[in-house]
């Protein structure tokens, strides 16, 4: 295997296959060959997770396989995070992320959180089925720069609007940027409920948040 020319494709394919040990090994070898941790993340790990996310959305990849790929992503990040931390020595803000009330879907949210972490961001995942008051409490206590909400059901999307209104009522709306995403969520819906941003997939949502915090 010509690692130097194929390293990113090898990491990508191994991650998609859920081969955590191999992803870790390839990340270590790529570093020894002089590839930067940022390039390994962007061209290897994130490219692989983009494929995983796409396959999960179109139903061609089952949840157990997605979880294996997520585990492989974490294995690669385990190697790269200390070096990424040197590149981003001080975290300029925090992101709170959660799935809204009545919605038990976790995979999409976890993918977004993983990608955010790969960009050196400080992410607090507060879980699934999170009611508006719990989001408000997290904003009040953790003082994040960004609040990210996910919904995978049309019946739970309105909880995003309720959460924004609860933030307004608590006097906290101006303290945090709000980004929304998930299968049924659209840019038009995000605009209608007063969100600051919208992510049509895991990578775009994470990139938007990174730009807000580091820009």
N, C-alpha and C. Protein backbone atom coordinates (compact mmCIF):
# COMPACT_ATOMS: atom_id res chain seq x y z
N UNK A 1 0.85 -1.21 0.00
CA UNK A 1 0.00 0.00 0.00
C UNK A 1 0.87 1.25 0.00
N UNK A 2 0.68 2.12 -0.99
CA UNK A 2 1.41 3.38 -1.05
C UNK A 2 0.70 4.38 -0.15
N UNK A 3 1.10 4.37 1.13
CA UNK A 3 0.37 5.15 2.14
C UNK A 3 0.38 6.64 1.83
N UNK A 4 1.53 7.16 1.36
CA UNK A 4 1.64 8.60 1.20
C UNK A 4 0.66 9.14 0.16
N UNK A 5 0.39 8.37 -0.89
CA UNK A 5 -0.52 8.86 -1.92
C UNK A 5 -1.96 8.45 -1.66
N UNK A 6 -2.16 7.43 -0.85
CA UNK A 6 -3.50 6.90 -0.64
C UNK A 6 -4.02 7.10 0.78
N UNK A 7 -3.28 7.82 1.60
CA UNK A 7 -3.59 7.86 3.03
C UNK A 7 -5.01 8.34 3.30
N UNK A 8 -5.44 9.40 2.64
CA UNK A 8 -6.76 9.94 2.95
C UNK A 8 -7.87 8.99 2.50
N UNK A 9 -7.70 8.38 1.34
CA UNK A 9 -8.69 7.44 0.86
C UNK A 9 -8.73 6.20 1.74
N UNK A 10 -7.56 5.77 2.24
CA UNK A 10 -7.52 4.61 3.12
C UNK A 10 -8.23 4.90 4.44
N UNK A 11 -7.99 6.09 5.00
CA UNK A 11 -8.66 6.47 6.25
C UNK A 11 -10.16 6.55 6.02
N UNK A 12 -10.54 7.19 4.92
CA UNK A 12 -11.96 7.35 4.60
C UNK A 12 -12.66 5.99 4.48
N UNK A 13 -12.10 5.08 3.70
CA UNK A 13 -12.75 3.78 3.48
C UNK A 13 -12.76 2.95 4.76
N UNK A 14 -11.69 3.03 5.55
CA UNK A 14 -11.64 2.27 6.80
C UNK A 14 -12.66 2.80 7.80
N UNK A 15 -12.85 4.11 7.81
CA UNK A 15 -13.86 4.70 8.70
C UNK A 15 -15.25 4.26 8.28
N UNK A 16 -15.54 4.30 6.99
CA UNK A 16 -16.85 3.87 6.50
C UNK A 16 -17.12 2.43 6.88
N UNK A 17 -16.06 1.60 6.83
CA UNK A 17 -16.20 0.19 7.17
C UNK A 17 -16.25 -0.05 8.68
N UNK A 18 -16.01 1.02 9.47
CA UNK A 18 -16.08 0.88 10.92
C UNK A 18 -14.88 0.19 11.53
N UNK A 19 -13.73 0.29 10.90
CA UNK A 19 -12.51 -0.39 11.37
C UNK A 19 -11.70 0.58 12.24
N UNK A 20 -12.09 0.68 13.49
CA UNK A 20 -11.53 1.68 14.39
C UNK A 20 -10.02 1.53 14.57
N UNK A 21 -9.56 0.32 14.80
CA UNK A 21 -8.13 0.10 15.03
C UNK A 21 -7.30 0.51 13.83
N UNK A 22 -7.81 0.22 12.64
CA UNK A 22 -7.08 0.57 11.42
C UNK A 22 -7.08 2.08 11.20
N UNK A 23 -8.19 2.75 11.50
CA UNK A 23 -8.25 4.20 11.36
C UNK A 23 -7.22 4.85 12.29
N UNK A 24 -7.14 4.36 13.51
CA UNK A 24 -6.16 4.88 14.46
C UNK A 24 -4.74 4.67 13.93
N UNK A 25 -4.45 3.48 13.43
CA UNK A 25 -3.12 3.17 12.90
C UNK A 25 -2.78 4.06 11.71
N UNK A 26 -3.74 4.22 10.81
CA UNK A 26 -3.50 5.04 9.62
C UNK A 26 -3.30 6.51 9.97
N UNK A 27 -4.04 6.99 10.96
CA UNK A 27 -3.85 8.38 11.40
C UNK A 27 -2.45 8.57 11.96
N UNK A 28 -1.97 7.61 12.75
CA UNK A 28 -0.61 7.69 13.31
C UNK A 28 0.44 7.66 12.20
N UNK A 29 0.23 6.78 11.22
CA UNK A 29 1.19 6.68 10.12
C UNK A 29 1.18 7.96 9.27
N UNK A 30 -0.01 8.51 9.07
CA UNK A 30 -0.11 9.74 8.27
C UNK A 30 0.65 10.89 8.94
N UNK A 31 0.56 10.97 10.26
CA UNK A 31 1.30 12.00 10.99
C UNK A 31 2.80 11.81 10.82
N UNK A 32 3.25 10.56 10.90
CA UNK A 32 4.68 10.29 10.75
C UNK A 32 5.18 10.67 9.35
N UNK A 33 4.29 10.58 8.38
CA UNK A 33 4.66 10.93 7.01
C UNK A 33 4.60 12.43 6.75
N UNK A 34 4.19 13.19 7.76
CA UNK A 34 4.20 14.64 7.63
C UNK A 34 2.88 15.28 7.27
N UNK A 35 1.80 14.50 7.21
CA UNK A 35 0.49 15.09 6.95
C UNK A 35 0.01 15.84 8.19
N UNK A 36 -0.59 17.00 7.99
CA UNK A 36 -1.04 17.79 9.14
C UNK A 36 -2.31 17.19 9.73
N UNK A 37 -2.53 17.36 11.04
CA UNK A 37 -3.74 16.83 11.65
C UNK A 37 -5.01 17.41 11.03
N UNK A 38 -4.96 18.69 10.64
CA UNK A 38 -6.14 19.30 10.02
C UNK A 38 -6.49 18.63 8.69
N UNK A 39 -5.46 18.32 7.90
CA UNK A 39 -5.69 17.66 6.62
C UNK A 39 -6.21 16.24 6.81
N UNK A 40 -5.68 15.56 7.81
CA UNK A 40 -6.13 14.19 8.08
C UNK A 40 -7.60 14.19 8.48
N UNK A 41 -7.98 15.18 9.28
CA UNK A 41 -9.39 15.29 9.67
C UNK A 41 -10.25 15.62 8.46
N UNK A 42 -9.88 16.67 7.74
CA UNK A 42 -10.73 17.16 6.65
C UNK A 42 -10.81 16.19 5.47
N UNK A 43 -9.66 15.66 5.05
CA UNK A 43 -9.62 14.85 3.83
C UNK A 43 -9.81 13.36 4.08
N UNK A 44 -9.66 12.95 5.34
CA UNK A 44 -9.84 11.54 5.67
C UNK A 44 -11.08 11.29 6.50
N UNK A 45 -11.05 11.76 7.75
CA UNK A 45 -12.13 11.47 8.69
C UNK A 45 -13.46 12.10 8.25
N UNK A 46 -13.43 13.38 7.94
CA UNK A 46 -14.69 14.06 7.60
C UNK A 46 -15.25 13.59 6.27
N UNK A 47 -14.37 13.31 5.32
CA UNK A 47 -14.84 12.78 4.04
C UNK A 47 -15.56 11.45 4.27
N UNK A 48 -15.00 10.64 5.16
CA UNK A 48 -15.65 9.37 5.48
C UNK A 48 -16.98 9.56 6.18
N UNK A 49 -17.03 10.48 7.13
CA UNK A 49 -18.28 10.71 7.86
C UNK A 49 -19.34 11.32 6.96
N UNK A 50 -18.92 12.10 5.96
CA UNK A 50 -19.88 12.64 5.00
C UNK A 50 -20.59 11.50 4.25
N UNK A 51 -19.83 10.50 3.87
CA UNK A 51 -20.41 9.34 3.19
C UNK A 51 -21.35 8.59 4.13
N UNK A 52 -20.89 8.41 5.37
CA UNK A 52 -21.73 7.72 6.37
C UNK A 52 -23.05 8.46 6.56
N UNK A 53 -22.96 9.78 6.73
CA UNK A 53 -24.17 10.57 6.93
C UNK A 53 -25.11 10.47 5.75
N UNK A 54 -24.57 10.53 4.55
CA UNK A 54 -25.40 10.43 3.34
C UNK A 54 -26.06 9.06 3.24
N UNK A 55 -25.31 8.01 3.49
CA UNK A 55 -25.88 6.66 3.42
C UNK A 55 -26.94 6.44 4.50
N UNK A 56 -26.72 7.03 5.67
CA UNK A 56 -27.70 6.89 6.74
C UNK A 56 -29.00 7.60 6.37
N UNK A 57 -28.88 8.80 5.77
CA UNK A 57 -30.08 9.55 5.39
C UNK A 57 -30.89 8.84 4.31
N UNK A 58 -30.19 8.20 3.36
CA UNK A 58 -30.95 7.55 2.28
C UNK A 58 -31.32 6.10 2.60
N UNK A 59 -31.01 5.67 3.81
CA UNK A 59 -31.45 4.35 4.27
C UNK A 59 -30.57 3.20 3.85
N UNK A 60 -29.41 3.48 3.24
CA UNK A 60 -28.54 2.39 2.79
C UNK A 60 -27.52 1.96 3.83
N UNK A 61 -27.55 2.62 5.00
CA UNK A 61 -26.63 2.25 6.08
C UNK A 61 -27.42 2.17 7.38
N UNK A 62 -27.31 1.03 8.06
CA UNK A 62 -28.08 0.80 9.27
C UNK A 62 -27.40 1.44 10.48
N UNK A 63 -28.20 1.65 11.52
CA UNK A 63 -27.69 2.32 12.73
C UNK A 63 -26.47 1.61 13.33
N UNK A 64 -26.47 0.26 13.46
CA UNK A 64 -25.27 -0.37 14.03
C UNK A 64 -24.00 -0.06 13.25
N UNK A 65 -24.11 0.02 11.92
CA UNK A 65 -22.94 0.34 11.10
C UNK A 65 -22.51 1.79 11.29
N UNK A 66 -23.50 2.69 11.43
CA UNK A 66 -23.19 4.10 11.70
C UNK A 66 -22.43 4.23 13.02
N UNK A 67 -22.87 3.48 14.01
CA UNK A 67 -22.20 3.53 15.31
C UNK A 67 -20.77 3.02 15.22
N UNK A 68 -20.54 2.00 14.41
CA UNK A 68 -19.17 1.51 14.22
C UNK A 68 -18.31 2.58 13.54
N UNK A 69 -18.88 3.27 12.57
CA UNK A 69 -18.14 4.33 11.90
C UNK A 69 -17.85 5.48 12.86
N UNK A 70 -18.82 5.80 13.71
CA UNK A 70 -18.60 6.85 14.72
C UNK A 70 -17.47 6.46 15.66
N UNK A 71 -17.45 5.20 16.03
CA UNK A 71 -16.36 4.70 16.90
C UNK A 71 -15.02 4.83 16.20
N UNK A 72 -14.99 4.55 14.90
CA UNK A 72 -13.75 4.68 14.13
C UNK A 72 -13.33 6.14 14.05
N UNK A 73 -14.30 7.03 13.90
CA UNK A 73 -14.00 8.46 13.87
C UNK A 73 -13.34 8.89 15.18
N UNK A 74 -13.91 8.44 16.30
CA UNK A 74 -13.35 8.77 17.60
C UNK A 74 -11.94 8.21 17.76
N UNK A 75 -11.69 7.02 17.18
CA UNK A 75 -10.35 6.43 17.27
C UNK A 75 -9.34 7.31 16.56
N UNK A 76 -9.73 7.86 15.41
CA UNK A 76 -8.83 8.77 14.71
C UNK A 76 -8.63 10.06 15.46
N UNK A 77 -9.71 10.59 16.02
CA UNK A 77 -9.62 11.84 16.78
C UNK A 77 -8.79 11.67 18.04
N UNK A 78 -8.79 10.46 18.60
CA UNK A 78 -7.98 10.21 19.80
C UNK A 78 -6.51 10.50 19.51
N UNK A 79 -6.08 10.16 18.32
CA UNK A 79 -4.70 10.42 17.91
C UNK A 79 -4.48 11.89 17.61
N UNK A 80 -5.47 12.52 16.98
CA UNK A 80 -5.27 13.86 16.44
C UNK A 80 -5.63 14.98 17.40
N UNK A 81 -6.51 14.73 18.36
CA UNK A 81 -6.98 15.80 19.22
C UNK A 81 -5.88 16.56 19.95
N UNK A 82 -4.87 15.88 20.52
CA UNK A 82 -3.81 16.64 21.20
C UNK A 82 -3.11 17.62 20.28
N UNK A 83 -2.93 17.23 19.01
CA UNK A 83 -2.28 18.12 18.05
C UNK A 83 -3.22 19.22 17.60
N UNK A 84 -4.50 18.90 17.46
CA UNK A 84 -5.48 19.93 17.11
C UNK A 84 -5.59 20.96 18.23
N UNK A 85 -5.45 20.49 19.47
CA UNK A 85 -5.52 21.40 20.61
C UNK A 85 -4.36 22.40 20.59
N UNK A 86 -3.22 21.96 20.07
CA UNK A 86 -2.08 22.89 19.95
C UNK A 86 -2.37 23.96 18.90
N UNK A 87 -3.11 23.58 17.86
CA UNK A 87 -3.48 24.54 16.82
C UNK A 87 -4.53 25.50 17.32
N UNK A 88 -5.43 24.99 18.18
CA UNK A 88 -6.49 25.82 18.77
C UNK A 88 -6.32 25.80 20.29
N UNK A 89 -5.27 26.46 20.82
CA UNK A 89 -4.93 26.33 22.23
C UNK A 89 -6.00 26.87 23.18
N UNK A 90 -6.76 27.85 22.76
CA UNK A 90 -7.80 28.39 23.64
C UNK A 90 -9.15 28.35 22.95
N UNK A 91 -10.10 27.67 23.55
CA UNK A 91 -11.43 27.60 22.98
C UNK A 91 -12.14 28.92 23.22
N UNK A 92 -12.62 29.51 22.13
CA UNK A 92 -13.21 30.83 22.22
C UNK A 92 -14.70 30.78 22.55
N UNK A 93 -15.27 29.62 22.65
CA UNK A 93 -16.69 29.53 22.93
C UNK A 93 -17.13 28.09 23.05
N UNK A 94 -18.35 27.93 23.45
CA UNK A 94 -18.89 26.59 23.68
C UNK A 94 -20.15 26.42 22.85
N UNK A 95 -20.39 25.18 22.44
CA UNK A 95 -21.61 24.83 21.71
C UNK A 95 -22.40 23.82 22.54
N UNK A 96 -23.66 24.11 22.76
CA UNK A 96 -24.58 23.17 23.38
C UNK A 96 -25.45 22.57 22.28
N UNK A 97 -25.55 21.26 22.23
CA UNK A 97 -26.33 20.60 21.19
C UNK A 97 -27.27 19.58 21.80
N UNK A 98 -28.47 19.45 21.24
CA UNK A 98 -29.42 18.48 21.73
C UNK A 98 -30.52 18.23 20.72
N UNK A 99 -31.21 17.11 20.88
CA UNK A 99 -32.39 16.78 20.08
C UNK A 99 -33.62 17.22 20.85
N UNK A 100 -34.56 17.85 20.16
CA UNK A 100 -35.68 18.53 20.82
C UNK A 100 -36.67 17.56 21.46
N UNK A 101 -37.56 18.14 22.27
CA UNK A 101 -38.55 17.37 23.03
C UNK A 101 -39.41 16.49 22.12
N UNK A 102 -39.64 15.26 22.57
CA UNK A 102 -40.46 14.32 21.84
C UNK A 102 -39.73 13.55 20.76
N UNK A 103 -38.46 13.86 20.57
CA UNK A 103 -37.67 13.25 19.49
C UNK A 103 -36.53 12.45 20.11
N UNK A 104 -36.48 11.16 19.79
CA UNK A 104 -35.49 10.27 20.40
C UNK A 104 -34.35 9.95 19.45
N UNK A 105 -34.29 10.62 18.30
CA UNK A 105 -33.24 10.35 17.33
C UNK A 105 -31.91 10.94 17.80
N UNK A 106 -30.87 10.14 17.73
CA UNK A 106 -29.59 10.52 18.31
C UNK A 106 -28.44 10.54 17.31
N UNK A 107 -28.53 9.72 16.25
CA UNK A 107 -27.39 9.51 15.38
C UNK A 107 -26.96 10.79 14.67
N UNK A 108 -27.93 11.49 14.05
CA UNK A 108 -27.60 12.71 13.33
C UNK A 108 -26.93 13.74 14.22
N UNK A 109 -27.49 13.90 15.41
CA UNK A 109 -26.93 14.86 16.38
C UNK A 109 -25.51 14.46 16.76
N UNK A 110 -25.31 13.19 16.97
CA UNK A 110 -23.97 12.73 17.35
C UNK A 110 -22.96 12.96 16.24
N UNK A 111 -23.39 12.78 15.00
CA UNK A 111 -22.48 13.04 13.89
C UNK A 111 -22.07 14.50 13.86
N UNK A 112 -23.04 15.40 14.07
CA UNK A 112 -22.73 16.83 14.10
C UNK A 112 -21.75 17.13 15.23
N UNK A 113 -21.99 16.57 16.41
CA UNK A 113 -21.12 16.82 17.55
C UNK A 113 -19.70 16.32 17.29
N UNK A 114 -19.60 15.15 16.67
CA UNK A 114 -18.28 14.59 16.36
C UNK A 114 -17.51 15.51 15.42
N UNK A 115 -18.21 16.00 14.39
CA UNK A 115 -17.55 16.87 13.42
C UNK A 115 -17.15 18.19 14.08
N UNK A 116 -18.01 18.71 14.94
CA UNK A 116 -17.66 19.93 15.68
C UNK A 116 -16.40 19.72 16.51
N UNK A 117 -16.34 18.59 17.20
CA UNK A 117 -15.17 18.29 18.03
C UNK A 117 -13.92 18.16 17.17
N UNK A 118 -14.08 17.61 15.96
CA UNK A 118 -12.93 17.45 15.08
C UNK A 118 -12.37 18.79 14.64
N UNK A 119 -13.18 19.83 14.73
CA UNK A 119 -12.75 21.18 14.38
C UNK A 119 -12.19 21.92 15.60
N UNK A 120 -12.01 21.20 16.70
CA UNK A 120 -11.43 21.78 17.89
C UNK A 120 -12.40 22.57 18.74
N UNK A 121 -13.70 22.37 18.54
CA UNK A 121 -14.70 23.13 19.27
C UNK A 121 -15.08 22.44 20.58
N UNK A 122 -15.52 23.23 21.54
CA UNK A 122 -15.94 22.76 22.85
C UNK A 122 -17.43 22.44 22.78
N UNK A 123 -17.78 21.17 22.75
CA UNK A 123 -19.16 20.74 22.52
C UNK A 123 -19.72 20.06 23.77
N UNK A 124 -20.92 20.49 24.18
CA UNK A 124 -21.64 19.84 25.27
C UNK A 124 -22.93 19.26 24.69
N UNK A 125 -23.01 17.95 24.65
CA UNK A 125 -24.18 17.25 24.12
C UNK A 125 -25.13 16.96 25.28
N UNK A 126 -26.32 17.58 25.25
CA UNK A 126 -27.25 17.41 26.37
C UNK A 126 -28.32 16.36 26.08
N UNK A 127 -28.14 15.60 24.99
CA UNK A 127 -28.94 14.42 24.79
C UNK A 127 -30.14 14.58 23.87
N UNK A 128 -31.10 13.67 24.08
CA UNK A 128 -32.31 13.62 23.25
C UNK A 128 -33.53 13.97 24.08
N UNK A 129 -34.65 14.23 23.38
CA UNK A 129 -35.92 14.53 24.04
C UNK A 129 -35.75 15.68 25.05
N UNK A 130 -35.08 16.74 24.60
CA UNK A 130 -34.75 17.87 25.48
C UNK A 130 -35.87 18.92 25.39
N UNK A 131 -36.58 19.19 26.48
CA UNK A 131 -37.64 20.20 26.46
C UNK A 131 -37.08 21.61 26.41
N UNK A 132 -37.89 22.58 25.99
CA UNK A 132 -37.41 23.96 25.89
C UNK A 132 -36.77 24.47 27.17
N UNK A 133 -37.38 24.16 28.32
CA UNK A 133 -36.85 24.68 29.58
C UNK A 133 -35.46 24.12 29.89
N UNK A 134 -35.18 22.89 29.43
CA UNK A 134 -33.86 22.32 29.66
C UNK A 134 -32.81 22.99 28.76
N UNK A 135 -33.19 23.32 27.53
CA UNK A 135 -32.29 24.10 26.67
C UNK A 135 -31.98 25.45 27.31
N UNK A 136 -33.04 26.10 27.81
CA UNK A 136 -32.86 27.41 28.44
C UNK A 136 -31.95 27.31 29.66
N UNK A 137 -32.14 26.27 30.46
CA UNK A 137 -31.30 26.08 31.64
C UNK A 137 -29.85 25.86 31.24
N UNK A 138 -29.63 25.11 30.18
CA UNK A 138 -28.26 24.86 29.71
C UNK A 138 -27.60 26.14 29.23
N UNK A 139 -28.36 26.97 28.52
CA UNK A 139 -27.82 28.25 28.06
C UNK A 139 -27.46 29.14 29.24
N UNK A 140 -28.35 29.16 30.24
CA UNK A 140 -28.11 29.99 31.42
C UNK A 140 -26.89 29.53 32.21
N UNK A 141 -26.72 28.21 32.34
CA UNK A 141 -25.64 27.68 33.18
C UNK A 141 -24.31 27.58 32.43
N UNK A 142 -24.36 27.14 31.17
CA UNK A 142 -23.12 26.85 30.44
C UNK A 142 -22.63 28.03 29.61
N UNK A 143 -23.53 28.99 29.38
CA UNK A 143 -23.19 30.20 28.62
C UNK A 143 -22.51 29.90 27.28
N UNK A 144 -23.15 29.09 26.44
CA UNK A 144 -22.57 28.77 25.14
C UNK A 144 -22.65 29.95 24.17
N UNK A 145 -21.78 29.93 23.19
CA UNK A 145 -21.88 30.90 22.09
C UNK A 145 -22.97 30.46 21.11
N UNK A 146 -23.15 29.12 21.00
CA UNK A 146 -24.09 28.58 20.02
C UNK A 146 -24.96 27.51 20.67
N UNK A 147 -26.25 27.52 20.33
CA UNK A 147 -27.17 26.45 20.71
C UNK A 147 -27.61 25.76 19.43
N UNK A 148 -27.35 24.46 19.33
CA UNK A 148 -27.70 23.67 18.15
C UNK A 148 -28.82 22.70 18.49
N UNK A 149 -29.90 22.75 17.72
CA UNK A 149 -31.04 21.87 17.96
C UNK A 149 -31.30 20.99 16.75
N UNK A 150 -31.60 19.71 17.02
CA UNK A 150 -31.86 18.75 15.95
C UNK A 150 -33.26 18.17 16.11
N UNK A 151 -33.91 17.91 14.98
CA UNK A 151 -35.21 17.23 14.97
C UNK A 151 -35.27 16.33 13.75
N UNK A 152 -35.75 15.13 13.93
CA UNK A 152 -35.89 14.18 12.82
C UNK A 152 -37.35 13.89 12.49
N UNK A 153 -38.27 14.52 13.22
CA UNK A 153 -39.70 14.29 12.99
C UNK A 153 -40.39 15.63 12.75
N UNK A 154 -41.32 15.64 11.81
CA UNK A 154 -42.07 16.88 11.56
C UNK A 154 -42.90 17.26 12.78
N UNK A 155 -43.30 16.27 13.57
CA UNK A 155 -44.13 16.54 14.74
C UNK A 155 -43.36 17.18 15.88
N UNK A 156 -42.03 17.11 15.83
CA UNK A 156 -41.23 17.68 16.93
C UNK A 156 -40.55 18.99 16.53
N UNK A 157 -40.63 19.36 15.27
CA UNK A 157 -39.95 20.57 14.81
C UNK A 157 -40.42 21.82 15.55
N UNK A 158 -41.72 21.87 15.91
CA UNK A 158 -42.25 23.06 16.56
C UNK A 158 -41.61 23.32 17.91
N UNK A 159 -41.01 22.28 18.50
CA UNK A 159 -40.31 22.47 19.77
C UNK A 159 -39.13 23.42 19.62
N UNK A 160 -38.58 23.49 18.40
CA UNK A 160 -37.48 24.44 18.14
C UNK A 160 -37.98 25.87 18.31
N UNK A 161 -39.15 26.15 17.74
CA UNK A 161 -39.74 27.48 17.88
C UNK A 161 -40.06 27.77 19.34
N UNK A 162 -40.60 26.79 20.05
CA UNK A 162 -40.92 26.96 21.46
C UNK A 162 -39.67 27.26 22.28
N UNK A 163 -38.56 26.62 21.91
CA UNK A 163 -37.31 26.84 22.64
C UNK A 163 -36.79 28.27 22.41
N UNK A 164 -36.87 28.73 21.18
CA UNK A 164 -36.43 30.10 20.89
C UNK A 164 -37.30 31.10 21.65
N UNK A 165 -38.59 30.87 21.70
CA UNK A 165 -39.48 31.77 22.44
C UNK A 165 -39.17 31.72 23.94
N UNK A 166 -38.82 30.53 24.44
CA UNK A 166 -38.47 30.40 25.86
C UNK A 166 -37.17 31.15 26.16
N UNK A 167 -36.23 31.12 25.22
CA UNK A 167 -35.00 31.89 25.39
C UNK A 167 -35.29 33.38 25.43
N UNK A 168 -36.20 33.82 24.58
CA UNK A 168 -36.59 35.23 24.57
C UNK A 168 -37.23 35.63 25.89
N UNK A 169 -38.13 34.78 26.38
CA UNK A 169 -38.83 35.06 27.63
C UNK A 169 -37.86 35.14 28.81
N UNK A 170 -36.81 34.31 28.75
CA UNK A 170 -35.81 34.28 29.82
C UNK A 170 -34.77 35.38 29.68
N UNK A 171 -34.86 36.17 28.61
CA UNK A 171 -33.89 37.23 28.40
C UNK A 171 -32.53 36.74 27.93
N UNK A 172 -32.49 35.55 27.34
CA UNK A 172 -31.21 34.95 26.95
C UNK A 172 -31.00 34.87 25.44
N UNK A 173 -32.01 35.22 24.67
CA UNK A 173 -31.92 35.03 23.22
C UNK A 173 -30.75 35.79 22.61
N UNK A 174 -30.49 36.98 23.10
CA UNK A 174 -29.42 37.80 22.52
C UNK A 174 -28.03 37.31 22.90
N UNK A 175 -27.96 36.36 23.83
CA UNK A 175 -26.65 35.88 24.30
C UNK A 175 -26.12 34.70 23.51
N UNK A 176 -26.94 34.12 22.63
CA UNK A 176 -26.55 32.88 21.98
C UNK A 176 -27.09 32.84 20.55
N UNK A 177 -26.28 32.29 19.65
CA UNK A 177 -26.75 32.04 18.30
C UNK A 177 -27.41 30.67 18.25
N UNK A 178 -28.49 30.56 17.48
CA UNK A 178 -29.23 29.31 17.40
C UNK A 178 -29.16 28.75 15.98
N UNK A 179 -28.74 27.49 15.87
CA UNK A 179 -28.73 26.81 14.59
C UNK A 179 -29.61 25.57 14.70
N UNK A 180 -30.37 25.28 13.65
CA UNK A 180 -31.27 24.13 13.66
C UNK A 180 -30.98 23.25 12.46
N UNK A 181 -31.32 21.96 12.59
CA UNK A 181 -31.11 21.03 11.50
C UNK A 181 -31.82 19.72 11.76
N UNK A 182 -31.73 18.83 10.79
CA UNK A 182 -32.41 17.55 10.87
C UNK A 182 -33.18 17.28 9.59
N UNK A 183 -33.57 16.03 9.40
CA UNK A 183 -34.21 15.60 8.16
C UNK A 183 -35.30 16.50 7.61
N UNK A 184 -36.34 16.83 8.41
CA UNK A 184 -37.45 17.62 7.87
C UNK A 184 -37.24 19.12 7.93
N UNK A 185 -36.18 19.56 8.55
CA UNK A 185 -35.96 21.00 8.76
C UNK A 185 -35.44 21.64 7.48
N UNK A 186 -35.97 22.81 7.14
CA UNK A 186 -35.56 23.54 5.96
C UNK A 186 -35.04 24.92 6.35
N UNK A 187 -34.37 25.56 5.41
CA UNK A 187 -33.90 26.92 5.65
C UNK A 187 -35.08 27.87 5.89
N UNK A 188 -36.16 27.65 5.14
CA UNK A 188 -37.34 28.50 5.30
C UNK A 188 -37.93 28.37 6.70
N UNK A 189 -37.96 27.13 7.20
CA UNK A 189 -38.47 26.91 8.56
C UNK A 189 -37.57 27.60 9.58
N UNK A 190 -36.26 27.48 9.38
CA UNK A 190 -35.30 28.11 10.29
C UNK A 190 -35.52 29.62 10.32
N UNK A 191 -35.72 30.21 9.16
CA UNK A 191 -35.97 31.65 9.10
C UNK A 191 -37.28 32.01 9.79
N UNK A 192 -38.31 31.20 9.56
CA UNK A 192 -39.63 31.49 10.11
C UNK A 192 -39.65 31.49 11.64
N UNK A 193 -38.87 30.60 12.24
CA UNK A 193 -38.89 30.51 13.71
C UNK A 193 -37.87 31.44 14.36
N UNK A 194 -37.09 32.14 13.56
CA UNK A 194 -36.14 33.09 14.12
C UNK A 194 -34.79 32.52 14.49
N UNK A 195 -34.43 31.37 13.89
CA UNK A 195 -33.09 30.82 14.13
C UNK A 195 -32.06 31.67 13.39
N UNK A 196 -30.82 31.61 13.86
CA UNK A 196 -29.74 32.37 13.22
C UNK A 196 -29.14 31.62 12.05
N UNK A 197 -29.30 30.30 12.03
CA UNK A 197 -28.69 29.52 10.97
C UNK A 197 -29.33 28.17 10.81
N UNK A 198 -28.95 27.50 9.72
CA UNK A 198 -29.53 26.20 9.37
C UNK A 198 -28.44 25.33 8.77
N UNK A 199 -28.41 24.06 9.17
CA UNK A 199 -27.47 23.11 8.59
C UNK A 199 -28.22 22.03 7.85
N UNK A 200 -27.99 21.91 6.54
CA UNK A 200 -28.72 20.90 5.77
C UNK A 200 -28.13 19.50 5.96
N UNK A 201 -26.92 19.44 6.49
CA UNK A 201 -26.33 18.15 6.86
C UNK A 201 -25.34 18.39 8.00
N UNK A 202 -24.74 17.31 8.48
CA UNK A 202 -23.88 17.40 9.65
C UNK A 202 -22.68 18.32 9.40
N UNK A 203 -22.07 18.21 8.25
CA UNK A 203 -20.87 18.99 7.97
C UNK A 203 -21.18 20.48 7.86
N UNK A 204 -22.25 20.82 7.14
CA UNK A 204 -22.58 22.24 6.96
C UNK A 204 -22.96 22.89 8.28
N UNK A 205 -23.69 22.17 9.13
CA UNK A 205 -24.04 22.72 10.44
C UNK A 205 -22.82 22.95 11.31
N UNK A 206 -21.92 21.98 11.32
CA UNK A 206 -20.71 22.11 12.12
C UNK A 206 -19.81 23.23 11.59
N UNK A 207 -19.72 23.35 10.28
CA UNK A 207 -18.90 24.40 9.68
C UNK A 207 -19.45 25.78 9.99
N UNK A 208 -20.76 25.91 9.94
CA UNK A 208 -21.39 27.19 10.26
C UNK A 208 -21.07 27.59 11.69
N UNK A 209 -21.21 26.66 12.63
CA UNK A 209 -20.93 26.96 14.03
C UNK A 209 -19.46 27.30 14.25
N UNK A 210 -18.58 26.58 13.58
CA UNK A 210 -17.15 26.86 13.70
C UNK A 210 -16.85 28.27 13.22
N UNK A 211 -17.50 28.69 12.15
CA UNK A 211 -17.28 30.03 11.63
C UNK A 211 -17.75 31.10 12.61
N UNK A 212 -18.87 30.86 13.27
CA UNK A 212 -19.36 31.80 14.26
C UNK A 212 -18.39 31.96 15.42
N UNK A 213 -17.81 30.85 15.86
CA UNK A 213 -16.98 30.87 17.05
C UNK A 213 -15.57 31.35 16.77
N UNK A 214 -15.01 30.91 15.67
CA UNK A 214 -13.61 31.24 15.38
C UNK A 214 -13.44 32.42 14.44
N UNK A 215 -14.53 32.84 13.82
CA UNK A 215 -14.45 33.91 12.83
C UNK A 215 -14.34 35.28 13.45
